Amino acid sequence: MTLAISDGARDALSGWIAHLRALDNAAENTLKAYQTDLIGFLAFLGQHLGGPQGRRALSGIGLRDMRAWMAHERAHGSSARTLARKLSAVKNFYHWLSDRDDFDATAVLSTRAPKFTNKLPRPLAADAAKRMIETAGDQARQDWVGARDMAVVTLMYGCGLRVSETLGLMGSDVPLPEVLRIIGKGGKERLVPVLPAAREAVQSYLALCPHPLEADKPLFRGVRGGALGPRQVQKAVESARLQLGLPASATPHAMRHSFATHLLNAGGDLRAIQELLGHASLSTTQAYTAVDATRLMEVYDAAHPRAQSPSKRG
């Protein structure tokens, strides 16, 4: 698709992004995703309506246009979940634009998102999480790289950190304190306890790392000394997963899921877990209660006499 977007539409898009950045404190990754989604939407309108649509023309978009865009997205491979996310970005943009330009955006704002089923987190069992940490440190050819990978995975599991949060730690953050201040999505701050095992893993990595520790440089370094990237972490975890025979759901983010689920299973308070994970909404954290309930039903089905075959009941 040719990206035919008018100057007026680009100005509107820039204004909306600036608004989100200044007032909503949206994360840069979120802003980039929104911008990409809106550029795709505006480009489609240009193709669909026979030319770039100016800012004033955007106010005339109707329900038929929205349906055509959604059909186009599905035809080009967007899943229901992805399309719902894109529609959310479009609605957010139109809510802002209609306030600025004083027009009725009901046609856009009333467009229904496709239905989809929320995927439950896929945490590892406690013993599998432990083996993942140990195995991640055994995959590398160089000892210091193995120690680095082990420290990264330990922090994700032991502190419930996202990959980006783990790789965002700086030299100035060590030695790691007992409570670490993390800046998460949207600039949201939270305090996370750091287990002794995590501090020890980081110190073991630093003792072997050939690159000098600098306060203003990333704590975790690549082989050549630059910042360690998320793809390298994914590769290390994937290699360990394959060696252990774990499912494809055993990703770096699954270590964070495992942290939450194991805390919940141990009697942790849902609100406290929400704070530790940095979730803006409790409903996001409540997904872990669904995981717990699913496991409970599996145990019930396996153990309850009525769920067993006649041969098992004797």
C-alpha atoms as a PDB file:
ATOM      1  CA  MET A   1       0.000   0.000   0.000  1.00  0.00           C
ATOM      2  CA  THR A   2       1.312   3.450  -0.905  1.00  0.00           C
ATOM      3  CA  LEU A   3       1.562   5.614   2.178  1.00  0.00           C
ATOM      4  CA  ALA A   4      -0.528   8.479   0.740  1.00  0.00           C
ATOM      5  CA  ILE A   5      -1.112  10.764   3.713  1.00  0.00           C
ATOM      6  CA  SER A   6      -1.847  14.465   3.488  1.00  0.00           C
ATOM      7  CA  ASP A   7       0.164  17.109   5.313  1.00  0.00           C
ATOM      8  CA  GLY A   8      -2.917  17.974   7.368  1.00  0.00           C
ATOM      9  CA  ALA A   9      -3.396  14.380   8.492  1.00  0.00           C
ATOM     10  CA  ARG A  10       0.308  14.121   9.369  1.00  0.00           C
ATOM     11  CA  ASP A  11       0.039  17.307  11.426  1.00  0.00           C
ATOM     12  CA  ALA A  12      -2.964  15.883  13.268  1.00  0.00           C
ATOM     13  CA  LEU A  13      -1.121  12.649  13.934  1.00  0.00           C
ATOM     14  CA  SER A  14       1.914  14.552  15.247  1.00  0.00           C
ATOM     15  CA  GLY A  15      -0.298  16.653  17.499  1.00  0.00           C
ATOM     16  CA  TRP A  16      -1.982  13.586  18.957  1.00  0.00           C
ATOM     17  CA  ILE A  17       1.329  11.838  19.629  1.00  0.00           C
ATOM     18  CA  ALA A  18       2.661  15.007  21.294  1.00  0.00           C
ATOM     19  CA  HIS A  19      -0.480  15.100  23.452  1.00  0.00           C
ATOM     20  CA  LEU A  20      -0.015  11.480  24.544  1.00  0.00           C
ATOM     21  CA  ARG A  21       3.635  12.082  25.317  1.00  0.00           C
ATOM     22  CA  ALA A  22       3.049  15.246  27.331  1.00  0.00           C
ATOM     23  CA  LEU A  23      -0.200  14.574  29.183  1.00  0.00           C
ATOM     24  CA  ASP A  24      -0.714  10.818  29.255  1.00  0.00           C
ATOM     25  CA  ASN A  25       2.952  10.018  29.907  1.00  0.00           C
ATOM     26  CA  ALA A  26       2.768   7.150  27.409  1.00  0.00           C
ATOM     27  CA  ALA A  27       5.856   4.975  26.945  1.00  0.00           C
ATOM     28  CA  GLU A  28       7.897   5.528  23.770  1.00  0.00           C
ATOM     29  CA  ASN A  29       7.259   1.967  22.562  1.00  0.00           C
ATOM     30  CA  THR A  30       3.532   2.551  22.966  1.00  0.00           C
ATOM     31  CA  LEU A  31       3.746   5.824  21.044  1.00  0.00           C
ATOM     32  CA  LYS A  32       5.626   4.147  18.197  1.00  0.00           C
ATOM     33  CA  ALA A  33       3.002   1.394  18.022  1.00  0.00           C
ATOM     34  CA  TYR A  34       0.177   3.968  17.981  1.00  0.00           C
ATOM     35  CA  GLN A  35       1.921   5.961  15.280  1.00  0.00           C
ATOM     36  CA  THR A  36       2.431   2.880  13.106  1.00  0.00           C
ATOM     37  CA  ASP A  37      -1.215   1.863  13.531  1.00  0.00           C
ATOM     38  CA  LEU A  38      -2.490   5.329  12.611  1.00  0.00           C
ATOM     39  CA  ILE A  39      -0.210   5.680   9.593  1.00  0.00           C
ATOM     40  CA  GLY A  40      -1.597   2.382   8.311  1.00  0.00           C
ATOM     41  CA  PHE A  41      -5.165   3.575   8.901  1.00  0.00           C
ATOM     42  CA  LEU A  42      -4.611   6.940   7.204  1.00  0.00           C
ATOM     43  CA  ALA A  43      -2.846   5.283   4.274  1.00  0.00           C
ATOM     44  CA  PHE A  44      -5.800   2.927   3.831  1.00  0.00           C
ATOM     45  CA  LEU A  45      -8.215   5.869   3.765  1.00  0.00           C
ATOM     46  CA  GLY A  46      -6.141   7.481   1.037  1.00  0.00           C
ATOM     47  CA  GLN A  47      -6.355   4.353  -1.070  1.00  0.00           C
ATOM     48  CA  HIS A  48      -9.986   3.615  -0.188  1.00  0.00           C
ATOM     49  CA  LEU A  49     -11.263   7.137  -0.877  1.00  0.00           C
ATOM     50  CA  GLY A  50      -9.131   7.899  -3.920  1.00  0.00           C
ATOM     51  CA  GLY A  51      -6.480  10.186  -2.495  1.00  0.00           C
ATOM     52  CA  PRO A  52      -4.889  11.608   0.639  1.00  0.00           C
ATOM     53  CA  GLN A  53      -7.497  12.775   3.135  1.00  0.00           C
ATOM     54  CA  GLY A  54      -6.932  16.150   4.752  1.00  0.00           C
ATOM     55  CA  ARG A  55      -7.692  16.951   8.348  1.00  0.00           C
ATOM     56  CA  ARG A  56     -11.174  18.229   7.528  1.00  0.00           C
ATOM     57  CA  ALA A  57     -11.992  15.143   5.458  1.00  0.00           C
ATOM     58  CA  LEU A  58     -11.169  12.908   8.422  1.00  0.00           C
ATOM     59  CA  SER A  59     -14.275  14.227  10.163  1.00  0.00           C
ATOM     60  CA  GLY A  60     -16.461  12.661   7.464  1.00  0.00           C
ATOM     61  CA  ILE A  61     -15.331   9.067   7.947  1.00  0.00           C
ATOM     62  CA  GLY A  62     -18.371   6.848   8.410  1.00  0.00           C
ATOM     63  CA  LEU A  63     -19.188   3.387   9.646  1.00  0.00           C
ATOM     64  CA  ARG A  64     -18.949   1.951   6.114  1.00  0.00           C
ATOM     65  CA  ASP A  65     -15.387   3.270   5.826  1.00  0.00           C
ATOM     66  CA  MET A  66     -14.497   1.754   9.168  1.00  0.00           C
ATOM     67  CA  ARG A  67     -15.892  -1.624   8.140  1.00  0.00           C
ATOM     68  CA  ALA A  68     -13.929  -1.479   4.896  1.00  0.00           C
ATOM     69  CA  TRP A  69     -10.733  -0.779   6.837  1.00  0.00           C
ATOM     70  CA  MET A  70     -11.361  -3.633   9.249  1.00  0.00           C
ATOM     71  CA  ALA A  71     -12.077  -6.025   6.372  1.00  0.00           C
ATOM     72  CA  HIS A  72      -8.845  -4.883   4.716  1.00  0.00           C
ATOM     73  CA  GLU A  73      -6.871  -5.521   7.907  1.00  0.00           C
ATOM     74  CA  ARG A  74      -8.318  -9.018   8.369  1.00  0.00           C
ATOM     75  CA  ALA A  75      -7.638  -9.841   4.713  1.00  0.00           C
ATOM     76  CA  HIS A  76      -4.008  -8.835   5.212  1.00  0.00           C
ATOM     77  CA  GLY A  77      -3.473 -11.112   8.200  1.00  0.00           C
ATOM     78  CA  SER A  78      -4.369  -9.040  11.266  1.00  0.00           C
ATOM     79  CA  SER A  79      -5.716 -11.268  14.022  1.00  0.00           C
ATOM     80  CA  ALA A  80      -8.803 -10.276  15.991  1.00  0.00           C
ATOM     81  CA  ARG A  81      -6.554  -9.248  18.886  1.00  0.00           C
ATOM     82  CA  THR A  82      -4.287  -7.135  16.667  1.00  0.00           C
ATOM     83  CA  LEU A  83      -7.239  -5.487  14.946  1.00  0.00           C
ATOM     84  CA  ALA A  84      -8.825  -4.668  18.308  1.00  0.00           C
ATOM     85  CA  ARG A  85      -5.572  -2.979  19.339  1.00  0.00           C
ATOM     86  CA  LYS A  86      -5.433  -0.968  16.097  1.00  0.00           C
ATOM     87  CA  LEU A  87      -9.059   0.059  16.447  1.00  0.00           C
ATOM     88  CA  SER A  88      -8.347   1.227  19.978  1.00  0.00           C
ATOM     89  CA  ALA A  89      -5.570   3.477  18.638  1.00  0.00           C
ATOM     90  CA  VAL A  90      -7.872   4.877  15.920  1.00  0.00           C
ATOM     91  CA  LYS A  91     -10.613   5.599  18.459  1.00  0.00           C
ATOM     92  CA  ASN A  92      -8.158   7.289  20.789  1.00  0.00           C
ATOM     93  CA  PHE A  93      -6.966   9.473  17.910  1.00  0.00           C
ATOM     94  CA  TYR A  94     -10.515  10.369  16.864  1.00  0.00           C
ATOM     95  CA  HIS A  95     -11.546  11.172  20.412  1.00  0.00           C
ATOM     96  CA  TRP A  96      -8.686  13.675  20.568  1.00  0.00           C
ATOM     97  CA  LEU A  97      -9.252  15.035  17.042  1.00  0.00           C
ATOM     98  CA  SER A  98     -13.019  15.507  17.445  1.00  0.00           C
ATOM     99  CA  ASP A  99     -12.417  17.514  20.622  1.00  0.00           C
ATOM    100  CA  ARG A 100      -9.932  19.759  18.816  1.00  0.00           C
ATOM    101  CA  ASP A 101     -11.859  20.184  15.552  1.00  0.00           C
ATOM    102  CA  ASP A 102     -15.361  20.066  17.050  1.00  0.00           C
ATOM    103  CA  PHE A 103     -17.051  17.353  15.012  1.00  0.00           C
ATOM    104  CA  ASP A 104     -19.156  14.299  15.802  1.00  0.00           C
ATOM    105  CA  ALA A 105     -16.956  11.170  15.772  1.00  0.00           C
ATOM    106  CA  THR A 106     -19.742   8.758  16.745  1.00  0.00           C
ATOM    107  CA  ALA A 107     -19.300   6.627  13.611  1.00  0.00           C
ATOM    108  CA  VAL A 108     -15.685   5.879  14.503  1.00  0.00           C
ATOM    109  CA  LEU A 109     -16.086   5.705  18.266  1.00  0.00           C
ATOM    110  CA  SER A 110     -19.067   3.328  18.043  1.00  0.00           C
ATOM    111  CA  THR A 111     -17.276   0.846  15.780  1.00  0.00           C
ATOM    112  CA  ARG A 112     -17.230  -2.508  17.516  1.00  0.00           C
ATOM    113  CA  ALA A 113     -13.984  -4.351  18.022  1.00  0.00           C
ATOM    114  CA  PRO A 114     -13.809  -8.002  16.943  1.00  0.00           C
ATOM    115  CA  LYS A 115     -14.249 -10.481  19.757  1.00  0.00           C
ATOM    116  CA  PHE A 116     -11.290 -12.504  20.907  1.00  0.00           C
ATOM    117  CA  THR A 117     -10.404 -14.688  23.857  1.00  0.00           C
ATOM    118  CA  ASN A 118      -7.813 -13.342  26.249  1.00  0.00           C
ATOM    119  CA  LYS A 119      -4.885 -15.700  26.484  1.00  0.00           C
ATOM    120  CA  LEU A 120      -4.033 -16.789  29.990  1.00  0.00           C
ATOM    121  CA  PRO A 121      -0.412 -16.462  31.124  1.00  0.00           C
ATOM    122  CA  ARG A 122       1.603 -19.661  30.645  1.00  0.00           C
ATOM    123  CA  PRO A 123       3.870 -19.839  33.723  1.00  0.00           C
ATOM    124  CA  LEU A 124       6.425 -22.550  34.375  1.00  0.00           C
ATOM    125  CA  ALA A 125       6.218 -24.950  37.271  1.00  0.00           C
ATOM    126  CA  ALA A 126       8.511 -23.983  40.155  1.00  0.00           C
ATOM    127  CA  ASP A 127      11.034 -26.745  39.437  1.00  0.00           C
ATOM    128  CA  ALA A 128      11.021 -25.910  35.710  1.00  0.00           C
ATOM    129  CA  ALA A 129      11.715 -22.236  36.483  1.00  0.00           C
ATOM    130  CA  LYS A 130      14.687 -23.263  38.633  1.00  0.00           C
ATOM    131  CA  ARG A 131      16.025 -25.541  35.905  1.00  0.00           C
ATOM    132  CA  MET A 132      15.565 -22.787  33.340  1.00  0.00           C
ATOM    133  CA  ILE A 133      17.739 -20.430  35.396  1.00  0.00           C
ATOM    134  CA  GLU A 134      20.458 -23.051  35.825  1.00  0.00           C
ATOM    135  CA  THR A 135      20.393 -24.176  32.197  1.00  0.00           C
ATOM    136  CA  ALA A 136      20.388 -20.636  30.782  1.00  0.00           C
ATOM    137  CA  GLY A 137      23.772 -20.148  32.424  1.00  0.00           C
ATOM    138  CA  ASP A 138      25.187 -23.316  30.848  1.00  0.00           C
ATOM    139  CA  GLN A 139      24.438 -22.534  27.196  1.00  0.00           C
ATOM    140  CA  ALA A 140      27.121 -19.955  26.425  1.00  0.00           C
ATOM    141  CA  ARG A 141      30.611 -20.727  25.155  1.00  0.00           C
ATOM    142  CA  GLN A 142      32.141 -18.071  27.414  1.00  0.00           C
ATOM    143  CA  ASP A 143      31.795 -18.293  31.184  1.00  0.00           C
ATOM    144  CA  TRP A 144      31.011 -14.612  31.608  1.00  0.00           C
ATOM    145  CA  VAL A 145      28.214 -14.766  29.031  1.00  0.00           C
ATOM    146  CA  GLY A 146      26.722 -17.749  30.853  1.00  0.00           C
ATOM    147  CA  ALA A 147      26.908 -15.854  34.143  1.00  0.00           C
ATOM    148  CA  ARG A 148      25.268 -12.857  32.461  1.00  0.00           C
ATOM    149  CA  ASP A 149      22.383 -14.901  31.051  1.00  0.00           C
ATOM    150  CA  MET A 150      21.841 -16.586  34.399  1.00  0.00           C
ATOM    151  CA  ALA A 151      21.724 -13.204  36.144  1.00  0.00           C
ATOM    152  CA  VAL A 152      19.222 -11.820  33.635  1.00  0.00           C
ATOM    153  CA  VAL A 153      16.854 -14.793  33.964  1.00  0.00           C
ATOM    154  CA  THR A 154      17.228 -14.792  37.749  1.00  0.00           C
ATOM    155  CA  LEU A 155      16.163 -11.140  37.916  1.00  0.00           C
ATOM    156  CA  MET A 156      13.137 -11.727  35.677  1.00  0.00           C
ATOM    157  CA  TYR A 157      11.978 -14.614  37.823  1.00  0.00           C
ATOM    158  CA  GLY A 158      13.175 -13.477  41.245  1.00  0.00           C
ATOM    159  CA  CYS A 159      11.924  -9.880  40.906  1.00  0.00           C
ATOM    160  CA  GLY A 160       9.165 -10.216  38.299  1.00  0.00           C
ATOM    161  CA  LEU A 161      10.919  -7.807  35.931  1.00  0.00           C
ATOM    162  CA  ARG A 162      10.093  -7.356  32.269  1.00  0.00           C
ATOM    163  CA  VAL A 163      12.931  -7.996  29.812  1.00  0.00           C
ATOM    164  CA  SER A 164      13.114  -4.261  29.046  1.00  0.00           C
ATOM    165  CA  GLU A 165      13.290  -3.405  32.753  1.00  0.00           C
ATOM    166  CA  THR A 166      16.060  -5.927  33.363  1.00  0.00           C
ATOM    167  CA  LEU A 167      18.109  -4.700  30.418  1.00  0.00           C
ATOM    168  CA  GLY A 168      17.435  -1.107  31.468  1.00  0.00           C
ATOM    169  CA  LEU A 169      19.468  -1.503  34.659  1.00  0.00           C
ATOM    170  CA  MET A 170      22.600   0.639  34.664  1.00  0.00           C
ATOM    171  CA  GLY A 171      26.031   0.346  36.198  1.00  0.00           C
ATOM    172  CA  SER A 172      24.916   2.883  38.787  1.00  0.00           C
ATOM    173  CA  ASP A 173      22.317   0.380  40.050  1.00  0.00           C
ATOM    174  CA  VAL A 174      24.949  -1.974  41.481  1.00  0.00           C
ATOM    175  CA  PRO A 175      25.543  -3.303  43.975  1.00  0.00           C
ATOM    176  CA  LEU A 176      21.831  -4.092  43.843  1.00  0.00           C
ATOM    177  CA  PRO A 177      20.008  -2.883  46.985  1.00  0.00           C
ATOM    178  CA  GLU A 178      17.552  -4.975  48.938  1.00  0.00           C
ATOM    179  CA  VAL A 179      14.764  -2.938  47.343  1.00  0.00           C
ATOM    180  CA  LEU A 180      15.134  -1.772  43.762  1.00  0.00           C
ATOM    181  CA  ARG A 181      13.295   1.200  42.245  1.00  0.00           C
ATOM    182  CA  ILE A 182      12.026   0.257  38.778  1.00  0.00           C
ATOM    183  CA  ILE A 183      10.633   2.601  36.133  1.00  0.00           C
ATOM    184  CA  GLY A 184       8.102   0.528  34.213  1.00  0.00           C
ATOM    185  CA  LYS A 185       5.603   1.144  31.433  1.00  0.00           C
ATOM    186  CA  GLY A 186       4.384   4.697  31.139  1.00  0.00           C
ATOM    187  CA  GLY A 187       7.061   5.893  33.541  1.00  0.00           C
ATOM    188  CA  LYS A 188       5.277   4.188  36.444  1.00  0.00           C
ATOM    189  CA  GLU A 189       7.607   3.669  39.399  1.00  0.00           C
ATOM    190  CA  ARG A 190       7.498   0.691  41.732  1.00  0.00           C
ATOM    191  CA  LEU A 191       9.655  -0.797  44.469  1.00  0.00           C
ATOM    192  CA  VAL A 192      10.737  -4.406  44.038  1.00  0.00           C
ATOM    193  CA  PRO A 193      12.475  -6.534  46.693  1.00  0.00           C
ATOM    194  CA  VAL A 194      15.677  -8.127  45.404  1.00  0.00           C
ATOM    195  CA  LEU A 195      16.356 -11.637  46.631  1.00  0.00           C
ATOM    196  CA  PRO A 196      19.888 -12.530  47.781  1.00  0.00           C
ATOM    197  CA  ALA A 197      20.084 -15.083  44.945  1.00  0.00           C
ATOM    198  CA  ALA A 198      19.511 -12.308  42.395  1.00  0.00           C
ATOM    199  CA  ARG A 199      22.166 -10.054  43.947  1.00  0.00           C
ATOM    200  CA  GLU A 200      24.616 -12.946  44.026  1.00  0.00           C
ATOM    201  CA  ALA A 201      23.926 -13.806  40.377  1.00  0.00           C
ATOM    202  CA  VAL A 202      24.627 -10.219  39.334  1.00  0.00           C
ATOM    203  CA  GLN A 203      27.839 -10.100  41.371  1.00  0.00           C
ATOM    204  CA  SER A 204      29.008 -13.387  39.817  1.00  0.00           C
ATOM    205  CA  TYR A 205      28.407 -11.911  36.363  1.00  0.00           C
ATOM    206  CA  LEU A 206      30.296  -8.719  37.206  1.00  0.00           C
ATOM    207  CA  ALA A 207      33.248 -10.701  38.555  1.00  0.00           C
ATOM    208  CA  LEU A 208      33.633 -12.389  35.153  1.00  0.00           C
ATOM    209  CA  CYS A 209      32.538  -9.639  32.755  1.00  0.00           C
ATOM    210  CA  PRO A 210      35.517  -8.398  30.682  1.00  0.00           C
ATOM    211  CA  HIS A 211      33.930  -5.011  30.072  1.00  0.00           C
ATOM    212  CA  PRO A 212      34.393  -2.273  32.683  1.00  0.00           C
ATOM    213  CA  LEU A 213      31.427  -1.389  34.847  1.00  0.00           C
ATOM    214  CA  GLU A 214      30.451   2.227  34.151  1.00  0.00           C
ATOM    215  CA  ALA A 215      27.735   4.090  36.018  1.00  0.00           C
ATOM    216  CA  ASP A 216      26.199   5.588  32.859  1.00  0.00           C
ATOM    217  CA  LYS A 217      26.355   2.392  30.788  1.00  0.00           C
ATOM    218  CA  PRO A 218      23.983  -0.603  30.772  1.00  0.00           C
ATOM    219  CA  LEU A 219      24.681  -3.199  33.447  1.00  0.00           C
ATOM    220  CA  PHE A 220      24.241  -6.092  31.028  1.00  0.00           C
ATOM    221  CA  ARG A 221      26.594  -6.024  28.055  1.00  0.00           C
ATOM    222  CA  GLY A 222      26.807  -7.838  24.767  1.00  0.00           C
ATOM    223  CA  VAL A 223      29.876  -9.771  23.649  1.00  0.00           C
ATOM    224  CA  ARG A 224      31.349  -6.672  21.997  1.00  0.00           C
ATOM    225  CA  GLY A 225      30.640  -4.429  24.951  1.00  0.00           C
ATOM    226  CA  GLY A 226      27.462  -2.744  23.756  1.00  0.00           C
ATOM    227  CA  ALA A 227      24.100  -2.952  25.470  1.00  0.00           C
ATOM    228  CA  LEU A 228      22.662  -6.452  25.650  1.00  0.00           C
ATOM    229  CA  GLY A 229      19.561  -6.691  23.462  1.00  0.00           C
ATOM    230  CA  PRO A 230      16.303  -8.563  24.100  1.00  0.00           C
ATOM    231  CA  ARG A 231      16.927 -10.861  21.131  1.00  0.00           C
ATOM    232  CA  GLN A 232      20.034 -12.269  22.824  1.00  0.00           C
ATOM    233  CA  VAL A 233      17.991 -12.983  25.952  1.00  0.00           C
ATOM    234  CA  GLN A 234      15.326 -14.693  23.849  1.00  0.00           C
ATOM    235  CA  LYS A 235      17.954 -16.889  22.199  1.00  0.00           C
ATOM    236  CA  ALA A 236      19.447 -17.919  25.542  1.00  0.00           C
ATOM    237  CA  VAL A 237      16.044 -18.837  26.959  1.00  0.00           C
ATOM    238  CA  GLU A 238      15.038 -20.636  23.761  1.00  0.00           C
ATOM    239  CA  SER A 239      18.217 -22.708  23.843  1.00  0.00           C
ATOM    240  CA  ALA A 240      17.593 -23.650  27.477  1.00  0.00           C
ATOM    241  CA  ARG A 241      13.952 -24.432  26.709  1.00  0.00           C
ATOM    242  CA  LEU A 242      14.883 -26.812  23.925  1.00  0.00           C
ATOM    243  CA  GLN A 243      17.473 -28.563  26.083  1.00  0.00           C
ATOM    244  CA  LEU A 244      14.958 -29.023  28.894  1.00  0.00           C
ATOM    245  CA  GLY A 245      12.146 -30.090  26.587  1.00  0.00           C
ATOM    246  CA  LEU A 246       9.862 -27.284  27.758  1.00  0.00           C
ATOM    247  CA  PRO A 247       6.981 -25.936  25.609  1.00  0.00           C
ATOM    248  CA  ALA A 248       7.307 -22.948  23.288  1.00  0.00           C
ATOM    249  CA  SER A 249       5.454 -20.866  25.884  1.00  0.00           C
ATOM    250  CA  ALA A 250       8.602 -20.958  28.065  1.00  0.00           C
ATOM    251  CA  THR A 251       9.757 -17.495  26.968  1.00  0.00           C
ATOM    252  CA  PRO A 252      11.617 -14.768  28.867  1.00  0.00           C
ATOM    253  CA  HIS A 253       8.274 -13.158  29.738  1.00  0.00           C
ATOM    254  CA  ALA A 254       7.076 -16.498  31.121  1.00  0.00           C
ATOM    255  CA  MET A 255       9.621 -16.065  33.924  1.00  0.00           C
ATOM    256  CA  ARG A 256       7.711 -12.954  35.018  1.00  0.00           C
ATOM    257  CA  HIS A 257       4.434 -14.877  34.747  1.00  0.00           C
ATOM    258  CA  SER A 258       5.955 -17.624  36.878  1.00  0.00           C
ATOM    259  CA  PHE A 259       7.039 -15.103  39.517  1.00  0.00           C
ATOM    260  CA  ALA A 260       3.437 -13.881  39.860  1.00  0.00           C
ATOM    261  CA  THR A 261       1.816 -17.312  39.824  1.00  0.00           C
ATOM    262  CA  HIS A 262       4.189 -18.819  42.371  1.00  0.00           C
ATOM    263  CA  LEU A 263       3.657 -15.860  44.705  1.00  0.00           C
ATOM    264  CA  LEU A 264      -0.095 -16.273  44.370  1.00  0.00           C
ATOM    265  CA  ASN A 265       0.106 -20.002  45.028  1.00  0.00           C
ATOM    266  CA  ALA A 266       2.147 -19.285  48.144  1.00  0.00           C
ATOM    267  CA  GLY A 267      -0.633 -17.095  49.503  1.00  0.00           C
ATOM    268  CA  GLY A 268       0.466 -13.731  48.171  1.00  0.00           C
ATOM    269  CA  ASP A 269      -2.046 -10.884  48.177  1.00  0.00           C
ATOM    270  CA  LEU A 270      -3.303  -9.975  44.708  1.00  0.00           C
ATOM    271  CA  ARG A 271      -2.982  -6.236  45.334  1.00  0.00           C
ATOM    272  CA  ALA A 272       0.601  -6.650  46.517  1.00  0.00           C
ATOM    273  CA  ILE A 273       1.426  -8.739  43.441  1.00  0.00           C
ATOM    274  CA  GLN A 274      -0.130  -6.027  41.273  1.00  0.00           C
ATOM    275  CA  GLU A 275       2.253  -3.499  42.830  1.00  0.00           C
ATOM    276  CA  LEU A 276       5.258  -5.778  42.394  1.00  0.00           C
ATOM    277  CA  LEU A 277       4.458  -6.356  38.716  1.00  0.00           C
ATOM    278  CA  GLY A 278       3.667  -2.711  38.015  1.00  0.00           C
ATOM    279  CA  HIS A 279       0.257  -3.445  36.511  1.00  0.00           C
ATOM    280  CA  ALA A 280      -1.846  -0.316  36.097  1.00  0.00           C
ATOM    281  CA  SER A 281      -5.052  -2.329  36.487  1.00  0.00           C
ATOM    282  CA  LEU A 282      -5.872  -5.078  38.939  1.00  0.00           C
ATOM    283  CA  SER A 283      -7.769  -6.865  36.156  1.00  0.00           C
ATOM    284  CA  THR A 284      -4.441  -7.587  34.453  1.00  0.00           C
ATOM    285  CA  THR A 285      -3.110  -9.235  37.594  1.00  0.00           C
ATOM    286  CA  GLN A 286      -6.368 -11.140  38.078  1.00  0.00           C
ATOM    287  CA  ALA A 287      -5.480 -13.241  35.022  1.00  0.00           C
ATOM    288  CA  TYR A 288      -3.258 -15.204  37.397  1.00  0.00           C
ATOM    289  CA  THR A 289      -6.251 -16.184  39.499  1.00  0.00           C
ATOM    290  CA  ALA A 290      -7.744 -17.690  36.336  1.00  0.00           C
ATOM    291  CA  VAL A 291      -4.538 -19.704  35.866  1.00  0.00           C
ATOM    292  CA  ASP A 292      -4.813 -20.909  39.446  1.00  0.00           C
ATOM    293  CA  ALA A 293      -8.459 -21.859  38.952  1.00  0.00           C
ATOM    294  CA  THR A 294      -7.640 -23.722  35.748  1.00  0.00           C
ATOM    295  CA  ARG A 295      -4.990 -25.774  37.537  1.00  0.00           C
ATOM    296  CA  LEU A 296      -7.368 -26.443  40.399  1.00  0.00           C
ATOM    297  CA  MET A 297      -9.958 -27.832  37.980  1.00  0.00           C
ATOM    298  CA  GLU A 298      -7.318 -30.030  36.338  1.00  0.00           C
ATOM    299  CA  VAL A 299      -6.472 -31.496  39.749  1.00  0.00           C
ATOM    300  CA  TYR A 300     -10.176 -31.907  40.497  1.00  0.00           C
ATOM    301  CA  ASP A 301     -10.830 -33.691  37.204  1.00  0.00           C
ATOM    302  CA  ALA A 302      -7.898 -36.020  37.814  1.00  0.00           C
ATOM    303  CA  ALA A 303      -8.764 -36.830  41.435  1.00  0.00           C
ATOM    304  CA  HIS A 304     -12.540 -36.691  41.824  1.00  0.00           C
ATOM    305  CA  PRO A 305     -14.193 -40.138  41.715  1.00  0.00           C
ATOM    306  CA  ARG A 306     -16.873 -38.992  39.301  1.00  0.00           C
ATOM    307  CA  ALA A 307     -14.238 -37.655  36.918  1.00  0.00           C
ATOM    308  CA  GLN A 308     -12.449 -40.999  36.759  1.00  0.00           C
ATOM    309  CA  SER A 309     -13.231 -43.929  34.534  1.00  0.00           C
ATOM    310  CA  PRO A 310     -14.934 -47.038  36.052  1.00  0.00           C
ATOM    311  CA  SER A 311     -11.675 -48.953  35.838  1.00  0.00           C
ATOM    312  CA  LYS A 312      -9.878 -46.337  37.940  1.00  0.00           C
ATOM    313  CA  ARG A 313     -12.651 -46.311  40.530  1.00  0.00           C
ATOM    314  CA  GLY A 314     -12.360 -50.081  40.873  1.00  0.00           C
END
